[in-house]
Amino acid sequence: MLPDDLAFLSTSVSLLVYLPLLALTISASFFDLKYKRIPNFLSLLGTIFGIAINGLLLWPDGIPQSLLGFAVGFTLFLPGYLLGMTGGGDLKLMAAVGSLLGPKLAFLAFVIYILAALVWALMYAIYAWVRLGAELPFTRYWLMLRTLLRTGQLAYLKPKTTEVMGQRLPMAPAIAFGALAAPLLFAA
């Protein structure tokens, strides 16, 4: 049990928080899968709900918990966004998820997201190869490895747009999995 002055670091999640989280992540997943983008209004609504609900349920520590969760979600996704590995919608969605979950569960949701993203990327690559006729990246990887072994130089070949790795991967479903699983697995 945490001391009263650290209660906002708790992992307990109310149904009043979980239902908006469910609505946010399912909606974001739908838009990301169908349109390959996550609308800003969804992330904004999720953030507002997170601050408001946590502020009401955990007054006076709910608002700091929500803002810390927002910061954790944003900060964990920022390197991937800056490196071009995730989109801005993914970054804003994870920040909104953090505002609903708080800092500890936002971190745990991110860890679960990483694991889910690996599985999701593999499943999506197989789907794109089998159903959409996308090329597999192994020829490109082999050329990069051969260049490294022969010259000692690292070489990066950009994926072709027809290659599996050249297509945008919607990550909202993996974010949703992490966000929805963390409270179920780790909530006190």
C-alpha atoms as a PDB file:
ATOM      1  CA  MET A   1       0.000   0.000   0.000  1.00  0.00           C
ATOM      2  CA  LEU A   2       1.330   3.436  -0.934  1.00  0.00           C
ATOM      3  CA  PRO A   3       1.453   6.308   1.559  1.00  0.00           C
ATOM      4  CA  ASP A   4      -1.309   8.878   1.079  1.00  0.00           C
ATOM      5  CA  ASP A   5       1.014  11.432  -0.530  1.00  0.00           C
ATOM      6  CA  LEU A   6       1.977   8.852  -3.213  1.00  0.00           C
ATOM      7  CA  ALA A   7      -1.514   7.441  -3.824  1.00  0.00           C
ATOM      8  CA  PHE A   8      -1.569   8.850  -7.354  1.00  0.00           C
ATOM      9  CA  LEU A   9       1.062   6.269  -8.364  1.00  0.00           C
ATOM     10  CA  SER A  10      -1.392   3.440  -7.734  1.00  0.00           C
ATOM     11  CA  THR A  11      -2.335   0.949 -10.450  1.00  0.00           C
ATOM     12  CA  SER A  12      -6.019   0.619  -9.545  1.00  0.00           C
ATOM     13  CA  VAL A  13      -8.406   1.357 -12.417  1.00  0.00           C
ATOM     14  CA  SER A  14     -12.106   2.085 -12.129  1.00  0.00           C
ATOM     15  CA  LEU A  15     -14.693   0.893 -14.614  1.00  0.00           C
ATOM     16  CA  LEU A  16     -15.349   4.613 -15.192  1.00  0.00           C
ATOM     17  CA  VAL A  17     -11.806   4.829 -16.569  1.00  0.00           C
ATOM     18  CA  TYR A  18     -11.739   1.451 -18.338  1.00  0.00           C
ATOM     19  CA  LEU A  19     -14.894   2.020 -20.438  1.00  0.00           C
ATOM     20  CA  PRO A  20     -13.639   5.294 -22.010  1.00  0.00           C
ATOM     21  CA  LEU A  21     -10.269   3.593 -22.515  1.00  0.00           C
ATOM     22  CA  LEU A  22     -12.030   0.746 -24.313  1.00  0.00           C
ATOM     23  CA  ALA A  23     -14.027   3.180 -26.479  1.00  0.00           C
ATOM     24  CA  LEU A  24     -10.925   5.257 -27.281  1.00  0.00           C
ATOM     25  CA  THR A  25      -8.677   2.364 -28.261  1.00  0.00           C
ATOM     26  CA  ILE A  26     -11.309   0.456 -30.257  1.00  0.00           C
ATOM     27  CA  SER A  27     -12.282   3.639 -32.144  1.00  0.00           C
ATOM     28  CA  ALA A  28      -8.652   4.518 -32.826  1.00  0.00           C
ATOM     29  CA  SER A  29      -7.985   0.974 -34.050  1.00  0.00           C
ATOM     30  CA  PHE A  30     -10.961   1.159 -36.412  1.00  0.00           C
ATOM     31  CA  PHE A  31      -9.802   4.464 -37.917  1.00  0.00           C
ATOM     32  CA  ASP A  32      -6.176   3.327 -38.152  1.00  0.00           C
ATOM     33  CA  LEU A  33      -7.078   0.058 -39.874  1.00  0.00           C
ATOM     34  CA  LYS A  34      -9.621   1.603 -42.241  1.00  0.00           C
ATOM     35  CA  TYR A  35      -8.104   5.029 -43.018  1.00  0.00           C
ATOM     36  CA  LYS A  36      -4.482   4.570 -41.852  1.00  0.00           C
ATOM     37  CA  ARG A  37      -4.770   7.569 -39.522  1.00  0.00           C
ATOM     38  CA  ILE A  38      -6.026   8.338 -36.024  1.00  0.00           C
ATOM     39  CA  PRO A  39      -8.188  11.467 -35.805  1.00  0.00           C
ATOM     40  CA  ASN A  40      -6.905  14.164 -33.442  1.00  0.00           C
ATOM     41  CA  PHE A  41     -10.348  14.549 -31.879  1.00  0.00           C
ATOM     42  CA  LEU A  42     -10.167  10.984 -30.518  1.00  0.00           C
ATOM     43  CA  SER A  43      -6.878  11.633 -28.758  1.00  0.00           C
ATOM     44  CA  LEU A  44      -8.101  14.999 -27.490  1.00  0.00           C
ATOM     45  CA  LEU A  45     -11.324  13.465 -26.140  1.00  0.00           C
ATOM     46  CA  GLY A  46      -9.369  10.654 -24.493  1.00  0.00           C
ATOM     47  CA  THR A  47      -7.048  13.148 -22.822  1.00  0.00           C
ATOM     48  CA  ILE A  48      -9.924  15.338 -21.615  1.00  0.00           C
ATOM     49  CA  PHE A  49     -11.815  12.302 -20.294  1.00  0.00           C
ATOM     50  CA  GLY A  50      -8.678  11.012 -18.590  1.00  0.00           C
ATOM     51  CA  ILE A  51      -7.990  14.283 -16.786  1.00  0.00           C
ATOM     52  CA  ALA A  52     -11.657  14.825 -15.889  1.00  0.00           C
ATOM     53  CA  ILE A  53     -12.445  11.285 -14.712  1.00  0.00           C
ATOM     54  CA  ASN A  54      -9.234  10.842 -12.762  1.00  0.00           C
ATOM     55  CA  GLY A  55      -9.644  14.342 -11.332  1.00  0.00           C
ATOM     56  CA  LEU A  56     -13.145  13.498 -10.091  1.00  0.00           C
ATOM     57  CA  LEU A  57     -12.413   9.964  -8.879  1.00  0.00           C
ATOM     58  CA  LEU A  58      -9.079  10.621  -7.184  1.00  0.00           C
ATOM     59  CA  TRP A  59      -9.359  14.267  -6.137  1.00  0.00           C
ATOM     60  CA  PRO A  60      -6.917  15.985  -5.507  1.00  0.00           C
ATOM     61  CA  ASP A  61      -4.271  13.546  -6.789  1.00  0.00           C
ATOM     62  CA  GLY A  62      -6.170  12.449  -9.915  1.00  0.00           C
ATOM     63  CA  ILE A  63      -5.163  15.397 -12.058  1.00  0.00           C
ATOM     64  CA  PRO A  64      -1.416  15.021 -11.363  1.00  0.00           C
ATOM     65  CA  GLN A  65      -1.775  11.258 -11.975  1.00  0.00           C
ATOM     66  CA  SER A  66      -3.466  11.911 -15.291  1.00  0.00           C
ATOM     67  CA  LEU A  67      -0.917  14.532 -16.379  1.00  0.00           C
ATOM     68  CA  LEU A  68       1.981  12.275 -15.369  1.00  0.00           C
ATOM     69  CA  GLY A  69       0.415   9.424 -17.318  1.00  0.00           C
ATOM     70  CA  PHE A  70       0.041  11.727 -20.337  1.00  0.00           C
ATOM     71  CA  ALA A  71       3.733  12.689 -20.031  1.00  0.00           C
ATOM     72  CA  VAL A  72       4.837   9.042 -19.686  1.00  0.00           C
ATOM     73  CA  GLY A  73       2.817   7.915 -22.724  1.00  0.00           C
ATOM     74  CA  PHE A  74       4.050  10.867 -24.788  1.00  0.00           C
ATOM     75  CA  THR A  75       7.682  10.486 -23.702  1.00  0.00           C
ATOM     76  CA  LEU A  76       7.836   6.747 -24.366  1.00  0.00           C
ATOM     77  CA  PHE A  77       6.503   7.177 -27.913  1.00  0.00           C
ATOM     78  CA  LEU A  78       8.482  10.327 -28.768  1.00  0.00           C
ATOM     79  CA  PRO A  79      11.752   8.578 -29.808  1.00  0.00           C
ATOM     80  CA  GLY A  80       9.855   6.279 -32.186  1.00  0.00           C
ATOM     81  CA  TYR A  81       8.054   9.267 -33.678  1.00  0.00           C
ATOM     82  CA  LEU A  82      11.266  11.282 -34.080  1.00  0.00           C
ATOM     83  CA  LEU A  83      12.933   8.308 -35.788  1.00  0.00           C
ATOM     84  CA  GLY A  84       9.969   7.901 -38.145  1.00  0.00           C
ATOM     85  CA  MET A  85       9.008   4.512 -36.729  1.00  0.00           C
ATOM     86  CA  THR A  86       5.556   5.582 -35.514  1.00  0.00           C
ATOM     87  CA  GLY A  87       3.138   8.253 -36.615  1.00  0.00           C
ATOM     88  CA  GLY A  88       1.941  11.340 -34.815  1.00  0.00           C
ATOM     89  CA  GLY A  89      -1.459   9.742 -34.280  1.00  0.00           C
ATOM     90  CA  ASP A  90       0.159   6.845 -32.426  1.00  0.00           C
ATOM     91  CA  LEU A  91       2.080   9.303 -30.244  1.00  0.00           C
ATOM     92  CA  LYS A  92      -1.060  11.285 -29.364  1.00  0.00           C
ATOM     93  CA  LEU A  93      -3.079   8.112 -28.781  1.00  0.00           C
ATOM     94  CA  MET A  94      -0.527   6.754 -26.311  1.00  0.00           C
ATOM     95  CA  ALA A  95      -0.455  10.118 -24.502  1.00  0.00           C
ATOM     96  CA  ALA A  96      -4.265  10.001 -24.220  1.00  0.00           C
ATOM     97  CA  VAL A  97      -4.060   6.404 -22.976  1.00  0.00           C
ATOM     98  CA  GLY A  98      -1.551   7.581 -20.376  1.00  0.00           C
ATOM     99  CA  SER A  99      -3.912  10.316 -19.192  1.00  0.00           C
ATOM    100  CA  LEU A 100      -6.550   7.655 -18.574  1.00  0.00           C
ATOM    101  CA  LEU A 101      -4.259   5.054 -16.972  1.00  0.00           C
ATOM    102  CA  GLY A 102      -1.773   7.135 -15.010  1.00  0.00           C
ATOM    103  CA  PRO A 103       2.018   6.860 -15.081  1.00  0.00           C
ATOM    104  CA  LYS A 104       2.598   3.305 -13.824  1.00  0.00           C
ATOM    105  CA  LEU A 105      -0.030   1.629 -15.995  1.00  0.00           C
ATOM    106  CA  ALA A 106       0.966   3.812 -18.977  1.00  0.00           C
ATOM    107  CA  PHE A 107       4.493   2.431 -18.673  1.00  0.00           C
ATOM    108  CA  LEU A 108       3.233  -1.144 -18.335  1.00  0.00           C
ATOM    109  CA  ALA A 109       0.872  -0.618 -21.294  1.00  0.00           C
ATOM    110  CA  PHE A 110       3.876   0.521 -23.342  1.00  0.00           C
ATOM    111  CA  VAL A 111       5.840  -2.623 -22.413  1.00  0.00           C
ATOM    112  CA  ILE A 112       2.905  -4.823 -23.425  1.00  0.00           C
ATOM    113  CA  TYR A 113       2.494  -2.723 -26.603  1.00  0.00           C
ATOM    114  CA  ILE A 114       6.107  -3.477 -27.614  1.00  0.00           C
ATOM    115  CA  LEU A 115       5.478  -7.215 -27.323  1.00  0.00           C
ATOM    116  CA  ALA A 116       2.112  -6.955 -29.084  1.00  0.00           C
ATOM    117  CA  ALA A 117       3.649  -4.808 -31.834  1.00  0.00           C
ATOM    118  CA  LEU A 118       6.167  -7.542 -32.661  1.00  0.00           C
ATOM    119  CA  VAL A 119       3.406 -10.118 -33.050  1.00  0.00           C
ATOM    120  CA  TRP A 120       1.162  -7.622 -34.897  1.00  0.00           C
ATOM    121  CA  ALA A 121       3.943  -6.674 -37.339  1.00  0.00           C
ATOM    122  CA  LEU A 122       4.637 -10.318 -38.137  1.00  0.00           C
ATOM    123  CA  MET A 123       0.932 -11.083 -38.637  1.00  0.00           C
ATOM    124  CA  TYR A 124       0.491  -7.983 -40.807  1.00  0.00           C
ATOM    125  CA  ALA A 125       3.559  -8.840 -42.898  1.00  0.00           C
ATOM    126  CA  ILE A 126       2.211 -12.326 -43.557  1.00  0.00           C
ATOM    127  CA  TYR A 127      -1.201 -10.869 -44.416  1.00  0.00           C
ATOM    128  CA  ALA A 128       0.336  -8.284 -46.788  1.00  0.00           C
ATOM    129  CA  TRP A 129       2.441 -10.970 -48.451  1.00  0.00           C
ATOM    130  CA  VAL A 130      -0.339 -13.563 -48.821  1.00  0.00           C
ATOM    131  CA  ARG A 131      -3.431 -11.413 -49.414  1.00  0.00           C
ATOM    132  CA  LEU A 132      -2.035  -8.186 -50.896  1.00  0.00           C
ATOM    133  CA  GLY A 133       0.850  -9.661 -52.892  1.00  0.00           C
ATOM    134  CA  ALA A 134       3.518  -7.538 -51.202  1.00  0.00           C
ATOM    135  CA  GLU A 135       7.153  -8.521 -51.605  1.00  0.00           C
ATOM    136  CA  LEU A 136       9.077  -9.975 -48.666  1.00  0.00           C
ATOM    137  CA  PRO A 137      12.109  -7.963 -47.478  1.00  0.00           C
ATOM    138  CA  PHE A 138      14.591 -10.835 -47.404  1.00  0.00           C
ATOM    139  CA  THR A 139      16.316  -9.921 -50.688  1.00  0.00           C
ATOM    140  CA  ARG A 140      16.921  -6.384 -49.415  1.00  0.00           C
ATOM    141  CA  TYR A 141      18.129  -7.672 -46.040  1.00  0.00           C
ATOM    142  CA  TRP A 142      20.487 -10.113 -47.768  1.00  0.00           C
ATOM    143  CA  LEU A 143      21.991  -7.308 -49.874  1.00  0.00           C
ATOM    144  CA  MET A 144      22.558  -5.178 -46.759  1.00  0.00           C
ATOM    145  CA  LEU A 145      24.175  -8.098 -44.912  1.00  0.00           C
ATOM    146  CA  ARG A 146      26.348  -9.020 -47.918  1.00  0.00           C
ATOM    147  CA  THR A 147      27.528  -5.404 -48.205  1.00  0.00           C
ATOM    148  CA  LEU A 148      28.443  -5.382 -44.514  1.00  0.00           C
ATOM    149  CA  LEU A 149      30.341  -8.671 -44.728  1.00  0.00           C
ATOM    150  CA  ARG A 150      32.244  -7.765 -47.927  1.00  0.00           C
ATOM    151  CA  THR A 151      33.069  -4.120 -47.232  1.00  0.00           C
ATOM    152  CA  GLY A 152      32.679  -3.716 -43.485  1.00  0.00           C
ATOM    153  CA  GLN A 153      30.357  -0.793 -44.226  1.00  0.00           C
ATOM    154  CA  LEU A 154      26.777  -0.543 -43.027  1.00  0.00           C
ATOM    155  CA  ALA A 155      24.402   0.036 -45.906  1.00  0.00           C
ATOM    156  CA  TYR A 156      20.710   0.808 -45.699  1.00  0.00           C
ATOM    157  CA  LEU A 157      18.443   0.161 -48.649  1.00  0.00           C
ATOM    158  CA  LYS A 158      15.034   1.781 -48.384  1.00  0.00           C
ATOM    159  CA  PRO A 159      12.153  -0.626 -48.866  1.00  0.00           C
ATOM    160  CA  LYS A 160      10.246  -0.441 -52.117  1.00  0.00           C
ATOM    161  CA  THR A 161       6.602   0.602 -51.846  1.00  0.00           C
ATOM    162  CA  THR A 162       5.639  -2.870 -53.067  1.00  0.00           C
ATOM    163  CA  GLU A 163       7.542  -4.489 -50.186  1.00  0.00           C
ATOM    164  CA  VAL A 164       5.863  -5.457 -46.907  1.00  0.00           C
ATOM    165  CA  MET A 165       8.195  -3.160 -44.955  1.00  0.00           C
ATOM    166  CA  GLY A 166       7.456  -0.280 -47.335  1.00  0.00           C
ATOM    167  CA  GLN A 167       3.817  -0.150 -46.314  1.00  0.00           C
ATOM    168  CA  ARG A 168       2.461   1.780 -43.342  1.00  0.00           C
ATOM    169  CA  LEU A 169       1.618  -0.517 -40.460  1.00  0.00           C
ATOM    170  CA  PRO A 170      -1.398   0.599 -38.392  1.00  0.00           C
ATOM    171  CA  MET A 171      -0.191   0.381 -34.779  1.00  0.00           C
ATOM    172  CA  ALA A 172      -3.390   1.403 -32.937  1.00  0.00           C
ATOM    173  CA  PRO A 173      -4.455  -2.253 -32.495  1.00  0.00           C
ATOM    174  CA  ALA A 174      -1.181  -3.034 -30.707  1.00  0.00           C
ATOM    175  CA  ILE A 175      -1.523   0.123 -28.601  1.00  0.00           C
ATOM    176  CA  ALA A 176      -5.098  -0.922 -27.777  1.00  0.00           C
ATOM    177  CA  PHE A 177      -3.936  -4.374 -26.722  1.00  0.00           C
ATOM    178  CA  GLY A 178      -1.299  -2.921 -24.386  1.00  0.00           C
ATOM    179  CA  ALA A 179      -3.652  -0.293 -22.989  1.00  0.00           C
ATOM    180  CA  LEU A 180      -6.482  -2.752 -22.330  1.00  0.00           C
ATOM    181  CA  ALA A 181      -4.270  -5.567 -21.019  1.00  0.00           C
ATOM    182  CA  ALA A 182      -2.179  -3.518 -18.556  1.00  0.00           C
ATOM    183  CA  PRO A 183      -5.040  -2.705 -16.159  1.00  0.00           C
ATOM    184  CA  LEU A 184      -6.324  -6.282 -16.331  1.00  0.00           C
ATOM    185  CA  LEU A 185      -2.906  -7.771 -15.628  1.00  0.00           C
ATOM    186  CA  PHE A 186      -1.441  -5.260 -13.176  1.00  0.00           C
ATOM    187  CA  ALA A 187      -4.259  -3.295 -11.522  1.00  0.00           C
ATOM    188  CA  ALA A 188      -4.250  -3.554  -7.746  1.00  0.00           C
END
